[in-house]
């Protein structure tokens, strides 16, 4: 008896659903990233981070200057 392997499309669908679920969980928990964490995450200097945010290449931080993890995950999933 042979097992049926999932297709690439099936795997992509499951990955998309998993990303959405992780993003929803992050939104519910409200976890945030500091500027320092963002600089380390993308291995850039402060001015480059500012330029990428201004150009819409990264999510905009909140009024407290921190980024919602869910928004960062969603941005990375679209890349």
PDB file of N, CA and C in Angstrom:
ATOM      1  N   UNK A   1       0.847  -1.175   0.000  1.00  0.00           N
ATOM      2  CA  UNK A   1       0.000   0.000   0.000  1.00  0.00           C
ATOM      3  C   UNK A   1       0.889   1.234   0.000  1.00  0.00           C
ATOM      4  N   UNK A   2       0.690   2.097  -0.964  1.00  0.00           N
ATOM      5  CA  UNK A   2       1.533   3.294  -1.062  1.00  0.00           C
ATOM      6  C   UNK A   2       0.771   4.524  -0.574  1.00  0.00           C
ATOM      7  N   UNK A   3       1.510   5.389   0.063  1.00  0.00           N
ATOM      8  CA  UNK A   3       0.917   6.630   0.582  1.00  0.00           C
ATOM      9  C   UNK A   3       0.857   7.659  -0.543  1.00  0.00           C
ATOM     10  N   UNK A   4      -0.189   8.467  -0.532  1.00  0.00           N
ATOM     11  CA  UNK A   4      -0.343   9.518  -1.525  1.00  0.00           C
ATOM     12  C   UNK A   4       0.378  10.759  -1.011  1.00  0.00           C
ATOM     13  N   UNK A   5       1.328  11.230  -1.795  1.00  0.00           N
ATOM     14  CA  UNK A   5       2.084  12.414  -1.402  1.00  0.00           C
ATOM     15  C   UNK A   5       1.322  13.678  -1.798  1.00  0.00           C
ATOM     16  N   UNK A   6       1.380  14.699  -0.952  1.00  0.00           N
ATOM     17  CA  UNK A   6       0.695  15.952  -1.300  1.00  0.00           C
ATOM     18  C   UNK A   6       1.379  16.637  -2.473  1.00  0.00           C
ATOM     19  N   UNK A   7       0.603  17.358  -3.250  1.00  0.00           N
ATOM     20  CA  UNK A   7       1.153  18.094  -4.383  1.00  0.00           C
ATOM     21  C   UNK A   7       1.787  19.393  -3.891  1.00  0.00           C
ATOM     22  N   UNK A   8       2.522  20.027  -4.756  1.00  0.00           N
ATOM     23  CA  UNK A   8       3.122  21.327  -4.420  1.00  0.00           C
ATOM     24  C   UNK A   8       2.046  22.346  -4.073  1.00  0.00           C
ATOM     25  N   UNK A   9       0.962  22.319  -4.798  1.00  0.00           N
ATOM     26  CA  UNK A   9      -0.136  23.255  -4.536  1.00  0.00           C
ATOM     27  C   UNK A   9      -0.734  23.003  -3.149  1.00  0.00           C
ATOM     28  N   UNK A  10      -0.871  21.724  -2.779  1.00  0.00           N
ATOM     29  CA  UNK A  10      -1.387  21.387  -1.446  1.00  0.00           C
ATOM     30  C   UNK A  10      -0.454  21.916  -0.365  1.00  0.00           C
ATOM     31  N   UNK A  11       0.830  21.719  -0.566  1.00  0.00           N
ATOM     32  CA  UNK A  11       1.813  22.190   0.419  1.00  0.00           C
ATOM     33  C   UNK A  11       1.804  23.712   0.528  1.00  0.00           C
ATOM     34  N   UNK A  12       1.698  24.394  -0.597  1.00  0.00           N
ATOM     35  CA  UNK A  12       1.659  25.858  -0.584  1.00  0.00           C
ATOM     36  C   UNK A  12       0.411  26.354   0.147  1.00  0.00           C
ATOM     37  N   UNK A  13      -0.712  25.691  -0.071  1.00  0.00           N
ATOM     38  CA  UNK A  13      -1.949  26.063   0.610  1.00  0.00           C
ATOM     39  C   UNK A  13      -1.802  25.878   2.115  1.00  0.00           C
ATOM     40  N   UNK A  14      -1.225  24.762   2.521  1.00  0.00           N
ATOM     41  CA  UNK A  14      -1.032  24.504   3.947  1.00  0.00           C
ATOM     42  C   UNK A  14      -0.068  25.520   4.569  1.00  0.00           C
ATOM     43  N   UNK A  15       0.978  25.873   3.832  1.00  0.00           N
ATOM     44  CA  UNK A  15       1.933  26.859   4.344  1.00  0.00           C
ATOM     45  C   UNK A  15       1.263  28.226   4.513  1.00  0.00           C
ATOM     46  N   UNK A  16       0.438  28.595   3.541  1.00  0.00           N
ATOM     47  CA  UNK A  16      -0.272  29.876   3.626  1.00  0.00           C
ATOM     48  C   UNK A  16      -1.201  29.891   4.831  1.00  0.00           C
ATOM     49  N   UNK A  17      -1.913  28.802   5.044  1.00  0.00           N
ATOM     50  CA  UNK A  17      -2.821  28.713   6.177  1.00  0.00           C
ATOM     51  C   UNK A  17      -2.057  28.783   7.500  1.00  0.00           C
ATOM     52  N   UNK A  18      -0.920  28.129   7.553  1.00  0.00           N
ATOM     53  CA  UNK A  18      -0.099  28.157   8.759  1.00  0.00           C
ATOM     54  C   UNK A  18       0.406  29.566   9.042  1.00  0.00           C
ATOM     55  N   UNK A  19       0.878  30.274   8.001  1.00  0.00           N
ATOM     56  CA  UNK A  19       1.336  31.664   8.175  1.00  0.00           C
ATOM     57  C   UNK A  19       0.208  32.540   8.701  1.00  0.00           C
ATOM     58  N   UNK A  20      -0.989  32.354   8.143  1.00  0.00           N
ATOM     59  CA  UNK A  20      -2.142  33.147   8.589  1.00  0.00           C
ATOM     60  C   UNK A  20      -2.476  32.858  10.047  1.00  0.00           C
ATOM     61  N   UNK A  21      -2.389  31.599  10.436  1.00  0.00           N
ATOM     62  CA  UNK A  21      -2.686  31.235  11.820  1.00  0.00           C
ATOM     63  C   UNK A  21      -1.640  31.802  12.781  1.00  0.00           C
ATOM     64  N   UNK A  22      -0.373  31.759  12.389  1.00  0.00           N
ATOM     65  CA  UNK A  22       0.691  32.322  13.225  1.00  0.00           C
ATOM     66  C   UNK A  22       0.496  33.831  13.351  1.00  0.00           C
ATOM     67  N   UNK A  23       0.174  34.493  12.251  1.00  0.00           N
ATOM     68  CA  UNK A  23      -0.055  35.939  12.284  1.00  0.00           C
ATOM     69  C   UNK A  23      -1.232  36.281  13.190  1.00  0.00           C
ATOM     70  N   UNK A  24      -2.314  35.491  13.115  1.00  0.00           N
ATOM     71  CA  UNK A  24      -3.474  35.742  13.963  1.00  0.00           C
ATOM     72  C   UNK A  24      -3.102  35.563  15.437  1.00  0.00           C
ATOM     73  N   UNK A  25      -2.351  34.530  15.743  1.00  0.00           N
ATOM     74  CA  UNK A  25      -1.919  34.297  17.115  1.00  0.00           C
ATOM     75  C   UNK A  25      -1.056  35.451  17.616  1.00  0.00           C
ATOM     76  N   UNK A  26      -0.154  35.933  16.773  1.00  0.00           N
ATOM     77  CA  UNK A  26       0.698  37.066  17.148  1.00  0.00           C
ATOM     78  C   UNK A  26      -0.126  38.323  17.394  1.00  0.00           C
ATOM     79  N   UNK A  27      -1.131  38.561  16.540  1.00  0.00           N
ATOM     80  CA  UNK A  27      -2.003  39.717  16.734  1.00  0.00           C
ATOM     81  C   UNK A  27      -2.756  39.615  18.060  1.00  0.00           C
ATOM     82  N   UNK A  28      -3.230  38.422  18.359  1.00  0.00           N
ATOM     83  CA  UNK A  28      -3.988  38.219  19.597  1.00  0.00           C
ATOM     84  C   UNK A  28      -3.101  38.450  20.826  1.00  0.00           C
ATOM     85  N   UNK A  29      -1.854  38.036  20.732  1.00  0.00           N
ATOM     86  CA  UNK A  29      -0.949  38.195  21.871  1.00  0.00           C
ATOM     87  C   UNK A  29      -0.343  39.589  21.910  1.00  0.00           C
ATOM     88  N   UNK A  30      -0.327  40.280  20.765  1.00  0.00           N
ATOM     89  CA  UNK A  30       0.184  41.638  20.710  1.00  0.00           C
ATOM     90  C   UNK A  30       1.685  41.762  20.942  1.00  0.00           C
ATOM     91  N   UNK A  31       2.438  40.730  20.599  1.00  0.00           N
ATOM     92  CA  UNK A  31       3.886  40.778  20.781  1.00  0.00           C
ATOM     93  C   UNK A  31       4.477  41.871  19.899  1.00  0.00           C
ATOM     94  N   UNK A  32       5.475  42.545  20.426  1.00  0.00           N
ATOM     95  CA  UNK A  32       6.080  43.679  19.724  1.00  0.00           C
ATOM     96  C   UNK A  32       7.589  43.477  19.578  1.00  0.00           C
ATOM     97  N   UNK A  33       8.156  44.108  18.553  1.00  0.00           N
ATOM     98  CA  UNK A  33       9.603  44.128  18.345  1.00  0.00           C
ATOM     99  C   UNK A  33      10.108  45.556  18.539  1.00  0.00           C
ATOM    100  N   UNK A  34      11.225  45.696  19.211  1.00  0.00           N
ATOM    101  CA  UNK A  34      11.843  47.001  19.402  1.00  0.00           C
ATOM    102  C   UNK A  34      12.647  47.379  18.163  1.00  0.00           C
ATOM    103  N   UNK A  35      13.067  48.611  18.099  1.00  0.00           N
ATOM    104  CA  UNK A  35      13.913  49.062  16.987  1.00  0.00           C
ATOM    105  C   UNK A  35      15.195  48.224  16.931  1.00  0.00           C
ATOM    106  N   UNK A  36      15.776  47.976  18.083  1.00  0.00           N
ATOM    107  CA  UNK A  36      17.010  47.175  18.123  1.00  0.00           C
ATOM    108  C   UNK A  36      16.770  45.782  17.548  1.00  0.00           C
ATOM    109  N   UNK A  37      15.640  45.179  17.902  1.00  0.00           N
ATOM    110  CA  UNK A  37      15.320  43.854  17.379  1.00  0.00           C
ATOM    111  C   UNK A  37      15.113  43.888  15.863  1.00  0.00           C
ATOM    112  N   UNK A  38      14.488  44.943  15.361  1.00  0.00           N
ATOM    113  CA  UNK A  38      14.298  45.073  13.910  1.00  0.00           C
ATOM    114  C   UNK A  38      15.634  45.264  13.204  1.00  0.00           C
ATOM    115  N   UNK A  39      16.503  46.072  13.795  1.00  0.00           N
ATOM    116  CA  UNK A  39      17.828  46.280  13.204  1.00  0.00           C
ATOM    117  C   UNK A  39      18.583  44.959  13.121  1.00  0.00           C
ATOM    118  N   UNK A  40      18.501  44.170  14.167  1.00  0.00           N
ATOM    119  CA  UNK A  40      19.178  42.868  14.180  1.00  0.00           C
ATOM    120  C   UNK A  40      18.504  41.889  13.223  1.00  0.00           C
ATOM    121  N   UNK A  41      17.194  41.910  13.168  1.00  0.00           N
ATOM    122  CA  UNK A  41      16.447  40.975  12.320  1.00  0.00           C
ATOM    123  C   UNK A  41      16.813  41.154  10.844  1.00  0.00           C
ATOM    124  N   UNK A  42      16.944  42.402  10.422  1.00  0.00           N
ATOM    125  CA  UNK A  42      17.224  42.682   9.007  1.00  0.00           C
ATOM    126  C   UNK A  42      18.682  43.040   8.756  1.00  0.00           C
ATOM    127  N   UNK A  43      19.482  43.039   9.821  1.00  0.00           N
ATOM    128  CA  UNK A  43      20.920  43.306   9.714  1.00  0.00           C
ATOM    129  C   UNK A  43      21.189  44.594   8.932  1.00  0.00           C
ATOM    130  N   UNK A  44      20.539  45.662   9.383  1.00  0.00           N
ATOM    131  CA  UNK A  44      20.704  46.972   8.752  1.00  0.00           C
ATOM    132  C   UNK A  44      20.996  48.018   9.829  1.00  0.00           C
ATOM    133  N   UNK A  45      21.458  49.187   9.380  1.00  0.00           N
ATOM    134  CA  UNK A  45      21.679  50.294  10.306  1.00  0.00           C
ATOM    135  C   UNK A  45      20.379  51.088  10.457  1.00  0.00           C
ATOM    136  N   UNK A  46      20.347  51.985  11.401  1.00  0.00           N
ATOM    137  CA  UNK A  46      19.148  52.756  11.727  1.00  0.00           C
ATOM    138  C   UNK A  46      18.622  53.541  10.517  1.00  0.00           C
ATOM    139  N   UNK A  47      19.521  54.194   9.783  1.00  0.00           N
ATOM    140  CA  UNK A  47      19.065  55.008   8.646  1.00  0.00           C
ATOM    141  C   UNK A  47      18.461  54.129   7.540  1.00  0.00           C
ATOM    142  N   UNK A  48      19.011  52.935   7.332  1.00  0.00           N
ATOM    143  CA  UNK A  48      18.457  52.025   6.323  1.00  0.00           C
ATOM    144  C   UNK A  48      17.069  51.544   6.746  1.00  0.00           C
ATOM    145  N   UNK A  49      16.908  51.244   8.024  1.00  0.00           N
ATOM    146  CA  UNK A  49      15.592  50.839   8.524  1.00  0.00           C
ATOM    147  C   UNK A  49      14.580  51.955   8.300  1.00  0.00           C
ATOM    148  N   UNK A  50      14.962  53.190   8.621  1.00  0.00           N
ATOM    149  CA  UNK A  50      14.075  54.340   8.417  1.00  0.00           C
ATOM    150  C   UNK A  50      13.689  54.488   6.948  1.00  0.00           C
ATOM    151  N   UNK A  51      14.663  54.334   6.049  1.00  0.00           N
ATOM    152  CA  UNK A  51      14.407  54.465   4.610  1.00  0.00           C
ATOM    153  C   UNK A  51      13.448  53.387   4.120  1.00  0.00           C
ATOM    154  N   UNK A  52      13.633  52.157   4.598  1.00  0.00           N
ATOM    155  CA  UNK A  52      12.762  51.055   4.166  1.00  0.00           C
ATOM    156  C   UNK A  52      11.330  51.246   4.666  1.00  0.00           C
ATOM    157  N   UNK A  53      11.192  51.756   5.885  1.00  0.00           N
ATOM    158  CA  UNK A  53       9.853  52.034   6.404  1.00  0.00           C
ATOM    159  C   UNK A  53       9.207  53.143   5.585  1.00  0.00           C
ATOM    160  N   UNK A  54       9.952  54.216   5.314  1.00  0.00           N
ATOM    161  CA  UNK A  54       9.422  55.355   4.550  1.00  0.00           C
ATOM    162  C   UNK A  54       9.028  54.941   3.130  1.00  0.00           C
ATOM    163  N   UNK A  55       9.771  53.983   2.552  1.00  0.00           N
ATOM    164  CA  UNK A  55       9.487  53.528   1.189  1.00  0.00           C
ATOM    165  C   UNK A  55       8.391  52.463   1.150  1.00  0.00           C
ATOM    166  N   UNK A  56       7.880  52.089   2.317  1.00  0.00           N
ATOM    167  CA  UNK A  56       6.843  51.063   2.355  1.00  0.00           C
ATOM    168  C   UNK A  56       7.385  49.659   2.210  1.00  0.00           C
ATOM    169  N   UNK A  57       8.692  49.507   2.375  1.00  0.00           N
ATOM    170  CA  UNK A  57       9.316  48.191   2.253  1.00  0.00           C
ATOM    171  C   UNK A  57       9.266  47.413   3.559  1.00  0.00           C
ATOM    172  N   UNK A  58       8.894  48.081   4.633  1.00  0.00           N
ATOM    173  CA  UNK A  58       8.720  47.455   5.940  1.00  0.00           C
ATOM    174  C   UNK A  58       7.481  48.061   6.589  1.00  0.00           C
ATOM    175  N   UNK A  59       6.852  47.322   7.492  1.00  0.00           N
ATOM    176  CA  UNK A  59       5.694  47.884   8.188  1.00  0.00           C
ATOM    177  C   UNK A  59       6.080  49.119   8.999  1.00  0.00           C
ATOM    178  N   UNK A  60       5.113  49.951   9.249  1.00  0.00           N
ATOM    179  CA  UNK A  60       5.317  51.161  10.049  1.00  0.00           C
ATOM    180  C   UNK A  60       5.212  50.804  11.528  1.00  0.00           C
ATOM    181  N   UNK A  61       6.134  51.327  12.343  1.00  0.00           N
ATOM    182  CA  UNK A  61       6.029  51.049  13.779  1.00  0.00           C
ATOM    183  C   UNK A  61       4.833  51.784  14.382  1.00  0.00           C
ATOM    184  N   UNK A  62       4.423  51.318  15.547  1.00  0.00           N
ATOM    185  CA  UNK A  62       3.328  51.974  16.256  1.00  0.00           C
ATOM    186  C   UNK A  62       3.786  53.273  16.877  1.00  0.00           C
ATOM    187  N   UNK A  63       2.879  53.951  17.554  1.00  0.00           N
ATOM    188  CA  UNK A  63       3.209  55.239  18.170  1.00  0.00           C
ATOM    189  C   UNK A  63       4.263  55.098  19.260  1.00  0.00           C
ATOM    190  N   UNK A  64       4.438  53.881  19.770  1.00  0.00           N
ATOM    191  CA  UNK A  64       5.474  53.644  20.781  1.00  0.00           C
ATOM    192  C   UNK A  64       6.823  53.305  20.153  1.00  0.00           C
ATOM    193  N   UNK A  65       6.885  53.304  18.808  1.00  0.00           N
ATOM    194  CA  UNK A  65       8.138  53.038  18.107  1.00  0.00           C
ATOM    195  C   UNK A  65       8.460  51.561  17.968  1.00  0.00           C
ATOM    196  N   UNK A  66       7.503  50.705  18.284  1.00  0.00           N
ATOM    197  CA  UNK A  66       7.733  49.262  18.165  1.00  0.00           C
ATOM    198  C   UNK A  66       6.831  48.677  17.085  1.00  0.00           C
ATOM    199  N   UNK A  67       7.244  47.535  16.559  1.00  0.00           N
ATOM    200  CA  UNK A  67       6.534  46.871  15.472  1.00  0.00           C
ATOM    201  C   UNK A  67       5.754  45.682  16.001  1.00  0.00           C
ATOM    202  N   UNK A  68       4.541  45.527  15.521  1.00  0.00           N
ATOM    203  CA  UNK A  68       3.727  44.367  15.861  1.00  0.00           C
ATOM    204  C   UNK A  68       4.302  43.162  15.117  1.00  0.00           C
ATOM    205  N   UNK A  69       4.609  42.106  15.854  1.00  0.00           N
ATOM    206  CA  UNK A  69       5.223  40.915  15.260  1.00  0.00           C
ATOM    207  C   UNK A  69       4.360  40.374  14.123  1.00  0.00           C
ATOM    208  N   UNK A  70       3.054  40.392  14.294  1.00  0.00           N
ATOM    209  CA  UNK A  70       2.152  39.884  13.256  1.00  0.00           C
ATOM    210  C   UNK A  70       2.344  40.633  11.942  1.00  0.00           C
ATOM    211  N   UNK A  71       2.498  41.951  12.004  1.00  0.00           N
ATOM    212  CA  UNK A  71       2.698  42.735  10.783  1.00  0.00           C
ATOM    213  C   UNK A  71       4.032  42.411  10.141  1.00  0.00           C
ATOM    214  N   UNK A  72       5.052  42.180  10.952  1.00  0.00           N
ATOM    215  CA  UNK A  72       6.366  41.816  10.414  1.00  0.00           C
ATOM    216  C   UNK A  72       6.279  40.452   9.734  1.00  0.00           C
ATOM    217  N   UNK A  73       5.609  39.483  10.373  1.00  0.00           N
ATOM    218  CA  UNK A  73       5.441  38.161   9.767  1.00  0.00           C
ATOM    219  C   UNK A  73       4.680  38.255   8.449  1.00  0.00           C
ATOM    220  N   UNK A  74       3.618  39.049   8.422  1.00  0.00           N
ATOM    221  CA  UNK A  74       2.832  39.200   7.194  1.00  0.00           C
ATOM    222  C   UNK A  74       3.680  39.817   6.082  1.00  0.00           C
ATOM    223  N   UNK A  75       4.481  40.823   6.423  1.00  0.00           N
ATOM    224  CA  UNK A  75       5.370  41.435   5.442  1.00  0.00           C
ATOM    225  C   UNK A  75       6.348  40.379   4.899  1.00  0.00           C
ATOM    226  N   UNK A  76       6.942  39.616   5.785  1.00  0.00           N
ATOM    227  CA  UNK A  76       7.919  38.616   5.354  1.00  0.00           C
ATOM    228  C   UNK A  76       7.281  37.520   4.507  1.00  0.00           C
ATOM    229  N   UNK A  77       6.033  37.187   4.802  1.00  0.00           N
ATOM    230  CA  UNK A  77       5.337  36.161   4.025  1.00  0.00           C
ATOM    231  C   UNK A  77       5.064  36.627   2.597  1.00  0.00           C
ATOM    232  N   UNK A  78       4.869  37.932   2.419  1.00  0.00           N
ATOM    233  CA  UNK A  78       4.593  38.491   1.080  1.00  0.00           C
ATOM    234  C   UNK A  78       5.852  38.626   0.256  1.00  0.00           C
ATOM    235  N   UNK A  79       6.985  38.640   0.881  1.00  0.00           N
ATOM    236  CA  UNK A  79       8.254  38.828   0.158  1.00  0.00           C
ATOM    237  C   UNK A  79       8.580  37.677  -0.734  1.00  0.00           C
TER     238      UNK A  79
END
